[in-house]
Amino acid sequence: MGISRDSMHKRRATGGKKKVWRKKRKYELGRQPANTKLEPNKKTVRRIRVRGGNVKWRALRLDTENYSWGSEAITRKTRLLDVEGEGTIVQETKKSNHVVRKLEKRQQGRTLDPHIEEQFGSGRLLACISSRPGQCGRADGYILEGKELEFSMKKIQRKKGKGAAGGAA
C-alpha cells in the first residue's frame, strides 16, 4: 500500500468523503518516522536519498547534542540524559579556564533566574530541541529560560502529580 502524503484520503470541508480519482504517485511518497532514541555511546545515523537526488540524514540513535544558552551567548555539545515531554534535561559540561574567566567578567552585574539556579544545583538543565533529528541527523536546541521554563516546569509537575494520584487509587 505505501505511506502517502496526499490529501485524497481526507474528508471534504462539508464532512463528506472524497472520491479517489487516481492512483498514488511517486511524488506523494512518505516514509516511516525516525522515532529517534537516546542511547549512550550508540550514535546511529542513516543516509537517505530523497527527491532530486538530495540527501537526508535520519538519526535513529543519538547520545550527544548541541545546546545554546541565549542570555549567556554560549553553545556546548552535551549529553542528553532524559526526555520530559517537550522539555529535555541536559547535563552541564566542563568549561575551560578561559571560558570561566570570560563568564565571571560577564556575570559581575547580573543575577541568574532562581529556577535556573535551582537546576544548576541538581546538575541538570531543562532544554528544548529545535532541530529535526529525523531530517538532518543531529539534535540542536536551546536552554529554557523565563516564561518558557516556568511553563515546562509546571507541565512536568502536573505530570508527576498525575502519576502519584494514579498509583494511590
C-alpha atoms as a PDB file:
ATOM      1  CA  MET A   1       0.000   0.000   0.000  1.00  0.00           C
ATOM      2  CA  GLY A   2       2.711   2.520   0.948  1.00  0.00           C
ATOM      3  CA  ILE A   3       2.752   5.697   3.021  1.00  0.00           C
ATOM      4  CA  SER A   4       1.310   8.639   1.108  1.00  0.00           C
ATOM      5  CA  ARG A   5       1.393  12.405   1.778  1.00  0.00           C
ATOM      6  CA  ASP A   6      -1.639  13.197  -0.389  1.00  0.00           C
ATOM      7  CA  SER A   7      -4.922  14.765   0.726  1.00  0.00           C
ATOM      8  CA  MET A   8      -7.166  12.396  -1.238  1.00  0.00           C
ATOM      9  CA  HIS A   9      -7.801  10.248   1.831  1.00  0.00           C
ATOM     10  CA  LYS A  10      -9.053  13.228   3.869  1.00  0.00           C
ATOM     11  CA  ARG A  11     -12.649  14.364   4.089  1.00  0.00           C
ATOM     12  CA  ARG A  12     -14.146  17.431   2.422  1.00  0.00           C
ATOM     13  CA  ALA A  13     -14.906  20.639   4.333  1.00  0.00           C
ATOM     14  CA  THR A  14     -18.571  19.547   4.452  1.00  0.00           C
ATOM     15  CA  GLY A  15     -17.607  16.238   6.088  1.00  0.00           C
ATOM     16  CA  GLY A  16     -18.238  14.062   3.041  1.00  0.00           C
ATOM     17  CA  LYS A  17     -15.706  11.557   1.720  1.00  0.00           C
ATOM     18  CA  LYS A  18     -13.600  12.443  -1.321  1.00  0.00           C
ATOM     19  CA  LYS A  19     -13.734  10.031  -4.210  1.00  0.00           C
ATOM     20  CA  VAL A  20     -10.363   8.511  -5.139  1.00  0.00           C
ATOM     21  CA  TRP A  21      -9.903   9.538  -8.771  1.00  0.00           C
ATOM     22  CA  ARG A  22      -6.330   8.343  -9.409  1.00  0.00           C
ATOM     23  CA  LYS A  23      -3.595   6.077  -8.092  1.00  0.00           C
ATOM     24  CA  LYS A  24      -0.893   7.181  -5.677  1.00  0.00           C
ATOM     25  CA  ARG A  25       2.036   8.994  -7.280  1.00  0.00           C
ATOM     26  CA  LYS A  26       5.758   8.680  -6.590  1.00  0.00           C
ATOM     27  CA  TYR A  27       5.971  12.386  -5.610  1.00  0.00           C
ATOM     28  CA  GLU A  28       3.397  11.791  -2.833  1.00  0.00           C
ATOM     29  CA  LEU A  29       5.688   9.212  -1.219  1.00  0.00           C
ATOM     30  CA  GLY A  30       6.070   9.242   2.564  1.00  0.00           C
ATOM     31  CA  ARG A  31       8.389   7.268   4.864  1.00  0.00           C
ATOM     32  CA  GLN A  32       8.260   5.753   8.325  1.00  0.00           C
ATOM     33  CA  PRO A  33       9.117   8.192  11.147  1.00  0.00           C
ATOM     34  CA  ALA A  34      12.639   8.049  12.599  1.00  0.00           C
ATOM     35  CA  ASN A  35      11.485   7.902  16.266  1.00  0.00           C
ATOM     36  CA  THR A  36      14.966   8.928  17.423  1.00  0.00           C
ATOM     37  CA  LYS A  37      16.016   7.201  20.654  1.00  0.00           C
ATOM     38  CA  LEU A  38      18.587   8.209  23.281  1.00  0.00           C
ATOM     39  CA  GLU A  39      21.344   5.678  23.833  1.00  0.00           C
ATOM     40  CA  PRO A  40      24.765   6.392  25.347  1.00  0.00           C
ATOM     41  CA  ASN A  41      27.715   5.516  23.070  1.00  0.00           C
ATOM     42  CA  LYS A  42      25.447   4.372  20.219  1.00  0.00           C
ATOM     43  CA  LYS A  43      25.104   7.019  17.521  1.00  0.00           C
ATOM     44  CA  THR A  44      23.206   5.660  14.504  1.00  0.00           C
ATOM     45  CA  VAL A  45      22.567   7.958  11.539  1.00  0.00           C
ATOM     46  CA  ARG A  46      21.351   6.671   8.157  1.00  0.00           C
ATOM     47  CA  ARG A  47      21.756   8.342   4.760  1.00  0.00           C
ATOM     48  CA  ILE A  48      18.530   8.549   2.739  1.00  0.00           C
ATOM     49  CA  ARG A  49      18.287   9.556  -0.905  1.00  0.00           C
ATOM     50  CA  VAL A  50      15.297  11.819  -1.443  1.00  0.00           C
ATOM     51  CA  ARG A  51      13.634  13.568  -4.373  1.00  0.00           C
ATOM     52  CA  GLY A  52      16.013  15.277  -6.785  1.00  0.00           C
ATOM     53  CA  GLY A  53      18.954  13.113  -5.681  1.00  0.00           C
ATOM     54  CA  ASN A  54      19.315  15.116  -2.478  1.00  0.00           C
ATOM     55  CA  VAL A  55      20.266  13.528   0.838  1.00  0.00           C
ATOM     56  CA  LYS A  56      18.612  13.498   4.263  1.00  0.00           C
ATOM     57  CA  TRP A  57      20.287  12.133   7.375  1.00  0.00           C
ATOM     58  CA  ARG A  58      17.944  10.056   9.524  1.00  0.00           C
ATOM     59  CA  ALA A  59      19.082   9.927  13.184  1.00  0.00           C
ATOM     60  CA  LEU A  60      17.851   6.672  14.735  1.00  0.00           C
ATOM     61  CA  ARG A  61      20.006   6.756  17.896  1.00  0.00           C
ATOM     62  CA  LEU A  62      21.740   9.794  19.432  1.00  0.00           C
ATOM     63  CA  ASP A  63      23.907  10.315  22.505  1.00  0.00           C
ATOM     64  CA  THR A  64      25.135  13.943  22.255  1.00  0.00           C
ATOM     65  CA  GLU A  65      23.536  17.214  21.224  1.00  0.00           C
ATOM     66  CA  ASN A  66      24.419  20.888  20.754  1.00  0.00           C
ATOM     67  CA  TYR A  67      22.710  23.367  23.053  1.00  0.00           C
ATOM     68  CA  SER A  68      22.933  27.144  23.123  1.00  0.00           C
ATOM     69  CA  TRP A  69      22.200  29.340  26.113  1.00  0.00           C
ATOM     70  CA  GLY A  70      20.740  32.530  24.674  1.00  0.00           C
ATOM     71  CA  SER A  71      21.259  35.011  27.507  1.00  0.00           C
ATOM     72  CA  GLU A  72      24.838  33.821  28.154  1.00  0.00           C
ATOM     73  CA  ALA A  73      25.858  33.531  24.463  1.00  0.00           C
ATOM     74  CA  ILE A  74      27.296  30.027  24.991  1.00  0.00           C
ATOM     75  CA  THR A  75      26.937  26.902  22.862  1.00  0.00           C
ATOM     76  CA  ARG A  76      28.150  23.487  24.024  1.00  0.00           C
ATOM     77  CA  LYS A  77      27.984  19.876  22.914  1.00  0.00           C
ATOM     78  CA  THR A  78      26.416  17.941  25.796  1.00  0.00           C
ATOM     79  CA  ARG A  79      24.985  14.560  26.693  1.00  0.00           C
ATOM     80  CA  LEU A  80      21.241  14.210  26.774  1.00  0.00           C
ATOM     81  CA  LEU A  81      20.076  12.441  29.936  1.00  0.00           C
ATOM     82  CA  ASP A  82      16.304  12.173  29.735  1.00  0.00           C
ATOM     83  CA  VAL A  83      13.266  13.405  27.785  1.00  0.00           C
ATOM     84  CA  GLU A  84      10.388  15.052  29.646  1.00  0.00           C
ATOM     85  CA  GLY A  85       7.693  15.614  27.009  1.00  0.00           C
ATOM     86  CA  GLU A  86       8.523  18.885  25.313  1.00  0.00           C
ATOM     87  CA  GLY A  87      11.401  19.813  27.657  1.00  0.00           C
ATOM     88  CA  THR A  88      14.638  17.843  27.825  1.00  0.00           C
ATOM     89  CA  ILE A  89      17.209  17.639  30.613  1.00  0.00           C
ATOM     90  CA  VAL A  90      20.809  18.411  29.685  1.00  0.00           C
ATOM     91  CA  GLN A  91      23.933  17.676  31.726  1.00  0.00           C
ATOM     92  CA  GLU A  92      26.253  20.624  32.357  1.00  0.00           C
ATOM     93  CA  THR A  93      29.608  20.365  30.552  1.00  0.00           C
ATOM     94  CA  LYS A  94      33.091  21.114  31.906  1.00  0.00           C
ATOM     95  CA  LYS A  95      34.253  24.611  30.957  1.00  0.00           C
ATOM     96  CA  SER A  96      37.804  25.639  30.078  1.00  0.00           C
ATOM     97  CA  ASN A  97      39.618  28.134  32.299  1.00  0.00           C
ATOM     98  CA  HIS A  98      39.390  30.857  29.641  1.00  0.00           C
ATOM     99  CA  VAL A  99      35.618  30.429  29.377  1.00  0.00           C
ATOM    100  CA  VAL A 100      35.233  30.517  33.172  1.00  0.00           C
ATOM    101  CA  ARG A 101      37.085  33.857  33.365  1.00  0.00           C
ATOM    102  CA  LYS A 102      35.026  35.272  30.493  1.00  0.00           C
ATOM    103  CA  LEU A 103      31.760  34.210  32.160  1.00  0.00           C
ATOM    104  CA  GLU A 104      32.768  35.654  35.535  1.00  0.00           C
ATOM    105  CA  LYS A 105      33.506  39.014  33.892  1.00  0.00           C
ATOM    106  CA  ARG A 106      30.107  38.954  32.166  1.00  0.00           C
ATOM    107  CA  GLN A 107      28.282  37.959  35.386  1.00  0.00           C
ATOM    108  CA  GLN A 108      29.521  40.818  37.603  1.00  0.00           C
ATOM    109  CA  GLY A 109      26.368  42.959  37.457  1.00  0.00           C
ATOM    110  CA  ARG A 110      23.845  40.223  36.725  1.00  0.00           C
ATOM    111  CA  THR A 111      21.556  37.879  38.659  1.00  0.00           C
ATOM    112  CA  LEU A 112      20.502  34.445  37.486  1.00  0.00           C
ATOM    113  CA  ASP A 113      16.885  33.296  37.300  1.00  0.00           C
ATOM    114  CA  PRO A 114      16.075  31.371  40.537  1.00  0.00           C
ATOM    115  CA  HIS A 115      14.668  28.438  38.526  1.00  0.00           C
ATOM    116  CA  ILE A 116      17.939  28.085  36.604  1.00  0.00           C
ATOM    117  CA  GLU A 117      19.968  28.360  39.838  1.00  0.00           C
ATOM    118  CA  GLU A 118      17.893  25.514  41.272  1.00  0.00           C
ATOM    119  CA  GLN A 119      18.623  23.392  38.179  1.00  0.00           C
ATOM    120  CA  PHE A 120      22.358  24.121  38.391  1.00  0.00           C
ATOM    121  CA  GLY A 121      22.277  22.769  41.945  1.00  0.00           C
ATOM    122  CA  SER A 122      20.982  19.438  40.654  1.00  0.00           C
ATOM    123  CA  GLY A 123      23.454  19.477  37.731  1.00  0.00           C
ATOM    124  CA  ARG A 124      20.718  19.331  35.100  1.00  0.00           C
ATOM    125  CA  LEU A 125      19.115  21.969  32.880  1.00  0.00           C
ATOM    126  CA  LEU A 126      15.807  21.902  31.002  1.00  0.00           C
ATOM    127  CA  ALA A 127      16.257  22.449  27.272  1.00  0.00           C
ATOM    128  CA  CYS A 128      14.258  22.273  24.058  1.00  0.00           C
ATOM    129  CA  ILE A 129      15.354  20.515  20.860  1.00  0.00           C
ATOM    130  CA  SER A 130      14.722  22.935  17.993  1.00  0.00           C
ATOM    131  CA  SER A 131      16.184  20.926  15.082  1.00  0.00           C
ATOM    132  CA  ARG A 132      14.633  17.860  13.446  1.00  0.00           C
ATOM    133  CA  PRO A 133      16.877  14.830  14.117  1.00  0.00           C
ATOM    134  CA  GLY A 134      14.894  12.644  11.711  1.00  0.00           C
ATOM    135  CA  GLN A 135      15.612  15.080   8.855  1.00  0.00           C
ATOM    136  CA  CYS A 136      19.101  16.486   9.496  1.00  0.00           C
ATOM    137  CA  GLY A 137      20.665  13.688  11.581  1.00  0.00           C
ATOM    138  CA  ARG A 138      21.636  15.820  14.592  1.00  0.00           C
ATOM    139  CA  ALA A 139      19.939  17.444  17.545  1.00  0.00           C
ATOM    140  CA  ASP A 140      20.376  21.156  18.222  1.00  0.00           C
ATOM    141  CA  GLY A 141      18.481  23.127  20.826  1.00  0.00           C
ATOM    142  CA  TYR A 142      18.461  25.829  23.451  1.00  0.00           C
ATOM    143  CA  ILE A 143      18.261  26.026  27.236  1.00  0.00           C
ATOM    144  CA  LEU A 144      14.854  27.128  28.504  1.00  0.00           C
ATOM    145  CA  GLU A 145      14.610  30.469  30.303  1.00  0.00           C
ATOM    146  CA  GLY A 146      11.929  32.820  31.607  1.00  0.00           C
ATOM    147  CA  LYS A 147       8.265  32.102  30.847  1.00  0.00           C
ATOM    148  CA  GLU A 148       9.093  29.081  28.687  1.00  0.00           C
ATOM    149  CA  LEU A 149      10.989  27.494  31.591  1.00  0.00           C
ATOM    150  CA  GLU A 150       8.149  28.209  34.048  1.00  0.00           C
ATOM    151  CA  PHE A 151       5.624  26.660  31.653  1.00  0.00           C
ATOM    152  CA  SER A 152       7.717  23.489  31.226  1.00  0.00           C
ATOM    153  CA  MET A 153       8.309  23.139  34.976  1.00  0.00           C
ATOM    154  CA  LYS A 154       4.559  23.440  35.686  1.00  0.00           C
ATOM    155  CA  LYS A 155       3.832  20.865  32.996  1.00  0.00           C
ATOM    156  CA  ILE A 156       6.365  18.409  34.468  1.00  0.00           C
ATOM    157  CA  GLN A 157       4.951  18.943  37.997  1.00  0.00           C
ATOM    158  CA  ARG A 158       1.416  18.257  36.719  1.00  0.00           C
ATOM    159  CA  LYS A 159       2.646  15.083  35.019  1.00  0.00           C
ATOM    160  CA  LYS A 160       4.320  13.905  38.254  1.00  0.00           C
ATOM    161  CA  GLY A 161       1.154  14.695  40.222  1.00  0.00           C
ATOM    162  CA  LYS A 162      -0.992  12.589  37.884  1.00  0.00           C
ATOM    163  CA  GLY A 163       1.394   9.626  38.220  1.00  0.00           C
ATOM    164  CA  ALA A 164       1.271   9.774  42.033  1.00  0.00           C
ATOM    165  CA  ALA A 165      -2.541  10.055  42.076  1.00  0.00           C
ATOM    166  CA  GLY A 166      -2.888   7.072  39.703  1.00  0.00           C
ATOM    167  CA  GLY A 167      -0.631   4.912  41.903  1.00  0.00           C
ATOM    168  CA  ALA A 168      -2.631   5.690  45.072  1.00  0.00           C
ATOM    169  CA  ALA A 169      -6.001   4.697  43.574  1.00  0.00           C
END
